[in-house]
Amino acid sequence: MNTRSLLLVIAIVAAGTPVLAGSGQRTGTNGASELLIPIGTRDIAMGGATVAMTRGVEALFWNPAGSAWSARDVTLYASHMYYIADIGVDCGALSANFEGFGVLSLQLKILSMGEIPVTTADYPDGTGNTFKPQFFTMGLTYARQLTDRISVGLTATLINERMAEVQATGVAFDMGVVYANLAGVPGLQFGAVVKNVGPEMKFAGPGLSISAASGDLNRGTMMYKIEAAGFELPSTFELGLAYRMDITEENVLTLASAFQNNNFSDDAYRFGAEYGFRDLLFLRGGYDYEPPATGERETIYGLTFGAGVHLLLGNTDVVFDYAYRATKYFDGNHVVSVKLGL
């Protein structure tokens, strides 16, 4: 590792230090939780342990530095997740590799929650009207291979949440690094990423206006604006290791692990594995373990598994993937996706 590459790795790890240092009691709650909903079917099937090994357009959520390792000039990606509580999560992404410059990617994630009845203090059972929440994130990523072993990536994400007559808009940043063939060991990979770092968000809009009369002023009923409190983003810092073993020319096994530090929840330890046959068929599994530091919290996630098929149709790579993530109290998450490499 040359001096410049070493400094970049140190910078990424140092950037994650405030997240580690500020997560002692982890009191309160964060906002913009849609930032934590994972995207990338292969990575979900491996339990999210892919910080060091994630590659291409699917790396945009897990570690933007991995998107620099793109084998195609243009990649298209689309996925749908059957999330908890009948929420649907749709994602579309476009990645373009510019020789000598790097890889630019655009990703859009939209949550579908259906229609919700409007209730008030006078009509707790509903007024007969409904509203439809609209939550989405849109990220722009730049990634580049600095050497044949080192890549870095930066993502800027626009966040928008709208519910009835109130909305909040914010921006978050991710920064990551991937180092392949760590310590000169072929197949050994290291990754680090700081995610969802940005200013507080705050709701505003006509829905926060109320009709009231002030007893301290000589005036009648007027409209007053409620000032909503700000909320922090769910920042995380993650480290990962992965090892790819070429058992034979046709059989490949990859093992991965990751540690995630969260500023508003307990730390997570993730483990995953992928078996590939002839770069055609893939079987995957993983586990997400979050030991409760307080003895009170518990995670609803755990076991994951999935499969994928890679086809070459003419000069186009076509990949179909499926993943399942088990949950407590809710039906499990099902994820399907298709990826085209042009």
Protein backbone atom coordinates (compact mmCIF):
# COMPACT_ATOMS: atom_id res chain seq x y z
CA MET A 1 0.00 0.00 0.00
CA ASN A 2 1.53 3.32 -1.03
CA THR A 3 1.45 6.43 1.17
CA ARG A 4 -1.53 8.04 -0.57
CA SER A 5 -3.62 4.89 -0.27
CA LEU A 6 -2.69 4.47 3.38
CA LEU A 7 -3.74 8.05 4.13
CA LEU A 8 -7.11 7.46 2.47
CA VAL A 9 -7.80 4.39 4.58
CA ILE A 10 -6.82 6.32 7.73
CA ALA A 11 -9.10 9.20 6.69
CA ILE A 12 -12.11 6.91 6.28
CA VAL A 13 -11.52 5.25 9.65
CA ALA A 14 -10.94 8.63 11.32
CA ALA A 15 -14.20 9.93 9.84
CA GLY A 16 -16.03 7.11 11.59
CA THR A 17 -14.56 7.96 14.98
CA PRO A 18 -17.22 10.58 15.86
CA VAL A 19 -19.91 7.96 15.24
CA LEU A 20 -18.19 5.52 17.60
CA ALA A 21 -17.49 8.19 20.19
CA GLY A 22 -20.97 9.66 20.12
CA SER A 23 -22.85 6.41 20.53
CA GLY A 24 -22.28 5.74 24.21
CA GLN A 25 -25.80 5.95 25.62
CA ARG A 26 -27.54 6.01 22.22
CA THR A 27 -30.59 7.70 23.69
CA GLY A 28 -33.36 9.27 21.64
CA THR A 29 -34.49 8.35 18.18
CA ASN A 30 -33.28 9.14 14.69
CA GLY A 31 -35.24 10.25 11.67
CA ALA A 32 -35.00 9.33 7.98
CA SER A 33 -35.01 5.62 8.82
CA GLU A 34 -35.59 4.81 5.15
CA LEU A 35 -31.84 5.35 4.76
CA LEU A 36 -31.34 2.09 6.67
CA ILE A 37 -33.55 -0.02 4.39
CA PRO A 38 -31.04 -2.11 2.43
CA ILE A 39 -30.77 -2.24 -1.35
CA GLY A 40 -28.84 -4.88 -3.28
CA THR A 41 -30.28 -8.39 -3.43
CA ARG A 42 -26.97 -10.24 -3.37
CA ASP A 43 -25.77 -8.32 -0.34
CA ILE A 44 -29.06 -8.75 1.54
CA ALA A 45 -28.88 -12.52 0.97
CA MET A 46 -25.42 -12.49 2.55
CA GLY A 47 -26.66 -10.79 5.70
CA GLY A 48 -25.25 -7.37 4.82
CA ALA A 49 -21.73 -8.59 5.55
CA THR A 50 -20.42 -7.34 2.20
CA VAL A 51 -18.76 -4.02 3.10
CA ALA A 52 -15.42 -5.35 1.80
CA MET A 53 -16.63 -7.41 -1.20
CA THR A 54 -19.63 -5.54 -2.62
CA ARG A 55 -19.11 -4.64 -6.26
CA GLY A 56 -20.72 -2.69 -9.08
CA VAL A 57 -24.05 -0.90 -8.99
CA GLU A 58 -25.32 -2.88 -5.98
CA ALA A 59 -22.48 -1.45 -3.89
CA LEU A 60 -24.14 1.99 -3.84
CA PHE A 61 -25.95 1.22 -0.58
CA TRP A 62 -23.29 -0.90 1.17
CA ASN A 63 -20.03 0.84 0.28
CA PRO A 64 -19.82 3.36 -2.59
CA ALA A 65 -16.15 2.50 -3.13
CA GLY A 66 -17.23 -0.92 -4.42
CA SER A 67 -19.05 0.66 -7.37
CA ALA A 68 -15.66 1.56 -8.86
CA TRP A 69 -15.11 -2.15 -9.64
CA SER A 70 -17.44 -2.23 -12.62
CA ALA A 71 -16.80 -4.70 -15.44
CA ARG A 72 -19.24 -2.97 -17.82
CA ASP A 73 -19.45 0.53 -19.30
CA VAL A 74 -23.12 0.88 -18.36
CA THR A 75 -25.12 -1.04 -15.75
CA LEU A 76 -28.86 -0.88 -15.08
CA TYR A 77 -30.43 -2.22 -11.90
CA ALA A 78 -34.01 -2.55 -10.64
CA SER A 79 -35.36 -4.26 -7.52
CA HIS A 80 -38.50 -4.63 -5.44
CA MET A 81 -38.65 -5.51 -1.76
CA TYR A 82 -41.71 -6.74 0.12
CA TYR A 83 -40.84 -4.94 3.35
CA ILE A 84 -42.50 -5.09 6.77
CA ALA A 85 -46.09 -3.92 7.43
CA ASP A 86 -47.09 -4.19 3.77
CA ILE A 87 -44.57 -1.52 2.74
CA GLY A 88 -43.06 -1.86 -0.72
CA VAL A 89 -39.55 -0.60 -1.51
CA ASP A 90 -38.65 -0.03 -5.16
CA CYS A 91 -35.15 0.86 -6.34
CA GLY A 92 -33.68 1.82 -9.67
CA ALA A 93 -30.02 2.56 -10.38
CA LEU A 94 -27.86 3.53 -13.34
CA SER A 95 -24.06 3.31 -13.35
CA ALA A 96 -21.66 4.53 -16.07
CA ASN A 97 -17.92 3.86 -16.24
CA PHE A 98 -15.87 6.67 -17.79
CA GLU A 99 -12.34 5.59 -18.62
CA GLY A 100 -9.74 7.77 -16.97
CA PHE A 101 -12.33 9.53 -14.79
CA GLY A 102 -14.19 6.98 -12.70
CA VAL A 103 -17.69 5.64 -12.23
CA LEU A 104 -20.78 7.84 -11.83
CA SER A 105 -23.99 6.31 -10.50
CA LEU A 106 -27.51 7.48 -9.79
CA GLN A 107 -29.85 5.61 -7.44
CA LEU A 108 -33.51 6.18 -6.56
CA LYS A 109 -35.36 4.45 -3.70
CA ILE A 110 -39.11 4.89 -3.23
CA LEU A 111 -41.31 3.61 -0.40
CA SER A 112 -44.93 2.64 -1.11
CA MET A 113 -47.16 2.70 1.97
CA GLY A 114 -50.62 2.89 0.47
CA GLU A 115 -53.39 5.18 1.69
CA ILE A 116 -53.84 6.00 5.39
CA PRO A 117 -57.13 7.27 6.91
CA VAL A 118 -57.11 10.83 8.24
CA THR A 119 -57.98 10.94 11.96
CA THR A 120 -58.49 13.92 14.25
CA ALA A 121 -59.32 14.51 17.92
CA ASP A 122 -62.97 14.93 16.96
CA TYR A 123 -62.95 11.95 14.56
CA PRO A 124 -60.59 9.32 16.02
CA ASP A 125 -62.11 6.66 13.77
CA GLY A 126 -61.42 8.69 10.63
CA THR A 127 -62.87 11.65 8.75
CA GLY A 128 -63.48 9.68 5.59
CA ASN A 129 -60.45 11.23 3.90
CA THR A 130 -57.11 9.56 3.28
CA PHE A 131 -53.53 10.61 2.60
CA LYS A 132 -50.62 8.83 0.94
CA PRO A 133 -47.14 9.25 2.48
CA GLN A 134 -44.34 9.78 -0.04
CA PHE A 135 -40.82 8.87 1.07
CA PHE A 136 -37.88 8.71 -1.33
CA THR A 137 -34.10 9.03 -1.45
CA MET A 138 -31.99 9.88 -4.50
CA GLY A 139 -28.23 9.41 -4.43
CA LEU A 140 -25.40 10.48 -6.72
CA THR A 141 -22.16 8.51 -6.35
CA TYR A 142 -18.65 9.05 -7.66
CA ALA A 143 -16.15 6.20 -7.30
CA ARG A 144 -12.68 5.63 -8.66
CA GLN A 145 -9.97 2.99 -8.60
CA LEU A 146 -6.78 4.69 -7.44
CA THR A 147 -4.70 1.58 -8.01
CA ASP A 148 -5.39 -2.01 -8.99
CA ARG A 149 -6.08 -2.65 -5.28
CA ILE A 150 -7.57 0.57 -3.87
CA SER A 151 -10.89 2.22 -4.66
CA VAL A 152 -12.76 5.07 -2.97
CA GLY A 153 -16.31 6.35 -3.29
CA LEU A 154 -18.48 9.26 -2.18
CA THR A 155 -22.28 9.48 -2.25
CA ALA A 156 -24.53 12.52 -1.75
CA THR A 157 -28.15 11.55 -1.03
CA LEU A 158 -31.23 13.75 -1.18
CA ILE A 159 -33.92 12.73 1.34
CA ASN A 160 -37.57 13.74 1.08
CA GLU A 161 -40.43 12.77 3.38
CA ARG A 162 -43.99 14.00 2.82
CA MET A 163 -46.99 13.09 4.96
CA ALA A 164 -50.28 14.86 4.33
CA GLU A 165 -49.50 18.59 4.70
CA VAL A 166 -46.01 18.37 6.20
CA GLN A 167 -42.68 17.46 4.67
CA ALA A 168 -38.97 17.34 5.50
CA THR A 169 -35.99 17.50 3.16
CA GLY A 170 -32.38 16.76 3.95
CA VAL A 171 -29.06 15.54 2.59
CA ALA A 172 -26.75 12.74 3.71
CA PHE A 173 -23.23 11.71 2.72
CA ASP A 174 -21.48 8.32 2.53
CA MET A 175 -17.73 7.84 2.14
CA GLY A 176 -16.01 4.49 1.71
CA VAL A 177 -12.83 2.67 0.73
CA VAL A 178 -12.11 -0.87 -0.51
CA TYR A 179 -8.68 -2.51 -0.46
CA ALA A 180 -8.25 -5.77 -2.41
CA ASN A 181 -5.52 -8.38 -1.85
CA LEU A 182 -4.88 -7.08 1.65
CA ALA A 183 -1.34 -7.71 2.94
CA GLY A 184 -0.53 -9.27 -0.42
CA VAL A 185 -2.94 -12.17 0.16
CA PRO A 186 -4.88 -12.92 -3.05
CA GLY A 187 -8.63 -12.84 -2.43
CA LEU A 188 -8.43 -11.09 0.96
CA GLN A 189 -10.37 -7.82 0.95
CA PHE A 190 -10.93 -4.99 3.43
CA GLY A 191 -13.59 -2.29 3.41
CA ALA A 192 -14.60 0.68 5.54
CA VAL A 193 -17.50 3.09 5.14
CA VAL A 194 -19.12 6.00 6.98
CA LYS A 195 -22.80 6.37 6.07
CA ASN A 196 -25.67 8.81 6.52
CA VAL A 197 -23.68 11.76 7.83
CA GLY A 198 -25.43 15.11 7.44
CA PRO A 199 -27.32 17.97 9.10
CA GLU A 200 -30.54 17.57 11.06
CA MET A 201 -33.88 17.42 9.26
CA LYS A 202 -37.07 19.17 10.36
CA PHE A 203 -40.70 18.92 9.29
CA ALA A 204 -42.52 22.02 8.06
CA GLY A 205 -45.70 22.89 6.17
CA PRO A 206 -49.31 24.01 6.63
CA GLY A 207 -50.11 20.86 8.56
CA LEU A 208 -48.21 22.34 11.52
CA SER A 209 -50.51 25.38 11.71
CA ILE A 210 -53.29 25.39 14.35
CA SER A 211 -56.18 27.69 15.18
CA ALA A 212 -55.92 29.00 18.74
CA ALA A 213 -56.59 32.01 20.93
CA SER A 214 -53.87 33.53 23.10
CA GLY A 215 -54.90 34.54 26.61
CA ASP A 216 -52.02 37.04 26.83
CA LEU A 217 -53.04 39.07 23.78
CA ASN A 218 -56.11 41.18 23.10
CA ARG A 219 -57.03 39.47 19.87
CA GLY A 220 -59.30 36.70 18.68
CA THR A 221 -58.58 33.26 17.35
CA MET A 222 -55.61 33.17 14.99
CA MET A 223 -53.48 30.65 13.12
CA TYR A 224 -50.24 29.73 14.87
CA LYS A 225 -47.33 27.73 13.51
CA ILE A 226 -45.95 24.83 15.53
CA GLU A 227 -42.15 24.69 15.37
CA ALA A 228 -41.20 21.04 14.91
CA ALA A 229 -38.09 19.67 16.59
CA GLY A 230 -35.18 18.63 14.41
CA PHE A 231 -34.02 15.03 14.17
CA GLU A 232 -30.64 13.50 13.45
CA LEU A 233 -29.79 11.08 10.66
CA PRO A 234 -29.04 7.40 11.44
CA SER A 235 -25.27 7.59 10.98
CA THR A 236 -23.26 4.36 10.91
CA PHE A 237 -19.64 3.30 10.66
CA GLU A 238 -18.79 -0.12 9.21
CA LEU A 239 -15.69 -2.27 8.81
CA GLY A 240 -15.54 -5.49 6.83
CA LEU A 241 -13.32 -8.36 5.73
CA ALA A 242 -13.93 -10.88 2.97
CA TYR A 243 -12.02 -13.78 1.46
CA ARG A 244 -12.59 -15.34 -1.96
CA MET A 245 -11.40 -18.91 -2.47
CA ASP A 246 -11.14 -20.40 -5.96
CA ILE A 247 -11.72 -24.04 -5.04
CA THR A 248 -11.53 -25.11 -8.69
CA GLU A 249 -11.93 -23.27 -11.98
CA GLU A 250 -15.69 -23.81 -11.74
CA ASN A 251 -16.30 -23.53 -8.01
CA VAL A 252 -15.77 -20.37 -5.95
CA LEU A 253 -16.53 -19.76 -2.28
CA THR A 254 -16.57 -16.29 -0.70
CA LEU A 255 -16.76 -15.66 3.04
CA ALA A 256 -17.54 -12.24 4.46
CA SER A 257 -17.93 -10.52 7.82
CA ALA A 258 -18.68 -6.97 8.93
CA PHE A 259 -19.02 -4.86 12.07
CA GLN A 260 -21.49 -1.97 12.13
CA ASN A 261 -21.56 0.78 14.74
CA ASN A 262 -24.88 2.67 14.92
CA ASN A 263 -25.40 6.01 16.60
CA PHE A 264 -28.96 5.21 17.76
CA SER A 265 -29.03 1.44 18.16
CA ASP A 266 -26.84 -1.45 19.26
CA ASP A 267 -23.82 -2.60 17.25
CA ALA A 268 -24.29 -5.30 14.64
CA TYR A 269 -22.08 -8.24 13.66
CA ARG A 270 -22.80 -9.74 10.25
CA PHE A 271 -21.63 -12.89 8.54
CA GLY A 272 -22.23 -14.16 5.01
CA ALA A 273 -21.16 -16.71 2.42
CA GLU A 274 -21.60 -17.18 -1.31
CA TYR A 275 -21.00 -20.25 -3.45
CA GLY A 276 -20.63 -19.73 -7.20
CA PHE A 277 -20.69 -22.40 -9.89
CA ARG A 278 -19.22 -21.53 -13.31
CA ASP A 279 -20.10 -17.86 -12.77
CA LEU A 280 -23.61 -19.03 -13.63
CA LEU A 281 -25.40 -20.12 -10.45
CA PHE A 282 -24.96 -18.62 -6.99
CA LEU A 283 -26.21 -19.72 -3.57
CA ARG A 284 -25.97 -17.34 -0.62
CA GLY A 285 -26.64 -17.19 3.09
CA GLY A 286 -25.95 -14.92 6.04
CA TYR A 287 -26.80 -13.85 9.57
CA ASP A 288 -27.29 -10.44 11.17
CA TYR A 289 -26.51 -10.52 14.90
CA GLU A 290 -27.14 -7.50 17.15
CA PRO A 291 -26.49 -8.31 20.82
CA PRO A 292 -28.57 -5.99 23.06
CA ALA A 293 -26.18 -3.81 25.04
CA THR A 294 -28.89 -2.75 27.50
CA GLY A 295 -30.68 -6.07 27.88
CA GLU A 296 -33.88 -4.41 26.65
CA ARG A 297 -33.47 -3.86 22.92
CA GLU A 298 -33.78 -6.66 20.42
CA THR A 299 -33.38 -6.80 16.68
CA ILE A 300 -36.14 -8.16 14.47
CA TYR A 301 -33.72 -9.43 11.81
CA GLY A 302 -31.47 -12.48 11.67
CA LEU A 303 -31.16 -15.25 9.09
CA THR A 304 -30.90 -14.46 5.38
CA PHE A 305 -30.51 -16.55 2.24
CA GLY A 306 -30.90 -16.28 -1.52
CA ALA A 307 -29.80 -17.31 -4.98
CA GLY A 308 -28.80 -15.78 -8.29
CA VAL A 309 -28.42 -16.64 -11.97
CA HIS A 310 -25.94 -14.94 -14.32
CA LEU A 311 -26.58 -15.20 -18.05
CA LEU A 312 -24.66 -13.83 -21.02
CA LEU A 313 -27.06 -12.90 -23.82
CA GLY A 314 -24.96 -11.71 -26.74
CA ASN A 315 -22.83 -8.92 -25.28
CA THR A 316 -25.21 -8.23 -22.41
CA ASP A 317 -24.82 -9.55 -18.85
CA VAL A 318 -28.17 -10.42 -17.29
CA VAL A 319 -28.39 -11.23 -13.59
CA PHE A 320 -31.52 -12.33 -11.71
CA ASP A 321 -31.31 -12.41 -7.92
CA TYR A 322 -33.60 -13.34 -5.05
CA ALA A 323 -33.13 -12.80 -1.32
CA TYR A 324 -35.10 -13.55 1.84
CA ARG A 325 -34.59 -11.91 5.23
CA ALA A 326 -36.35 -13.42 8.25
CA THR A 327 -38.08 -11.04 10.68
CA LYS A 328 -39.76 -11.28 14.07
CA TYR A 329 -43.39 -10.21 14.49
CA PHE A 330 -43.74 -9.55 10.74
CA ASP A 331 -43.68 -11.58 7.55
CA GLY A 332 -40.16 -12.00 6.15
CA ASN A 333 -38.72 -9.63 3.55
CA HIS A 334 -38.66 -10.90 -0.04
CA VAL A 335 -36.40 -9.14 -2.56
CA VAL A 336 -36.20 -9.68 -6.32
CA SER A 337 -33.97 -7.85 -8.77
CA VAL A 338 -32.63 -7.77 -12.31
CA LYS A 339 -29.33 -6.29 -13.45
CA LEU A 340 -28.17 -5.57 -17.00
CA GLY A 341 -24.54 -4.94 -17.92
CA LEU A 342 -24.06 -3.30 -21.32
